[in-house]
Amino acid sequence: MRLSIHQFRIVIQATVPVAIGRGLAALLLLLTAPVAAFLWLRGARVRRTPRMGRHGALVMEQTLFNRAGAPVALFHAFPRLVNLANGDLCWVGPAAREVGPCDLRTEKGRVVASVPPGIFSTWKLRQRTNVAYGTQKDIDAEYVRTRSLRANCGILLRSLLASLYGGETRGALKERAHILGLPLDNLSMDQAIDAIVTPAAHGRLRQVSFVNVDCVNLSYRDTAYRNALVNSDLRLADGIGLRIAGRILHSEIRQNVNGTDLFPLLLARIVGSGQSLFLLGGRPGVADDVATWAQANYPGARIAGTAHGYFAPDEESALIERINQSGASILLVAFGAPRQEKWIERNAGRLLAHAALGVGGLFDFYAGRIPRAPQWLRELGLEWTYRLFQEPGRMWRRYLVGNVLFLSRVMTERAKRQLGIGQIQEQVNS
């Protein structure tokens, strides 16, 4: 049976990367054999952990531990070269899963199980930078559907670069993380959305603030803004800078809960729920464009109304009345920090919505005014570099100066904590 050119290309694309990967693993095994022998003589031993392999087959993932039972520094993953050489694992693939029921009855389950698990994966990469929204199976299925040699090389390179941030967040985390005196609600994206769509028991408006590096820096110069953040009902960690700070200060951040990623997930959640959004902010016409995008992509999500952010002080009362008459459950305010947080705090008693979110420049992204950074930059936690490239004249001080200033404050705070200074204030904040 002769293959067409198209079929031949598919076969080549499927087999050549696998052959290259197995050949590379075998070569590395040969080159590092003396190191393996030395570690073995020093008492290191291989631990085999059962994992789910291709089509649900059992795979024994191998790792190296010393006599005390701790991972061998630098060479912990060395034995996985054996798994790679024999084809049980591949360099890049779906994340290896613990042994359990293998659901091959669903299309998604069959897609994920169709290729061997990888040492590097999109799921692990996004966990490192706290942007692993959705389930592991969803992200693994996305990887399998879009995989290619070029994509695999990109995931491998980004994973190596992302390792500079440390490992992915593991284990039990505190309900609150404290970064430079600001208490942050340590929620996942799903938990944050649950809190936003659920009316508060006391019936008053729930203020939600997203806190990034620039917000922290602004709070040092603006006491009223800092108070607005501290008094917010939810303060959500936004961006890779907060994750790095949390790791340095031993106050781990669970997930990068930013408004731009939250918006489409929030729209999906309110479909058919009877809840609605009011979009306030941006230049004239921007909020309308966002509403058009939302209704085109999430037809069942109700937008109760829109209004731009360029209104005079004497127009504020009429605007609030309009928001209340719309019946909106959730208000998104895009004035930029610190104005939006102060505005929400000042008008909280007049607004009938059960939640109000300060969302910064979110509207500009979804209105198509400003393109968002590509996915690969977001997975590296470098979305800020794209914004700097887009608007260097406006953003250079915020990022080039602000990031250095923030990091210096974090390192100073770490030194104080090591000396026992400031612990009483943290206990008061919590």
Foldseek 3Di string as FASTA:
>chain_A
DDDDPVRVVVVCQVPVLLVVQLVVLVVVCVVCVVVVVVQVVQAKDKAWAWWQWAPRDTDTQIFIAHPVRHGDPPCGNVVCSVVSNVQQEGAEAQATHHRDDQPCVDPLSNLRRHHTHHPFYLQQLLLLQQNNPDDSSVRRSVCSVPDTPVVRVLRNVLSVLSCVLPGGDDDDADQWFAFLLQTAGQDRLVVVLVVFLDFDPVQFAAEEEEDELLLVVVCVVDVLLVVLRLPGNHYHYAFSLVQSLCVLQVRHRNHHHAPLVSVLVNQQVCQVVPAAEEEEEDDPPLQVLLVVLSCVVRVRHHHLYYYYHPDDPVCVVVVQVSQQVSVHQEYEYAHAPPVQSSVCVVCRVSHNHRYYYDRHPNSCCSSVVDPFDDPSCVSSRNSLVVVCVVCVPVCVCCPVVSSVVSVVSSVVVSVCVVVVHPPVSVVVSD
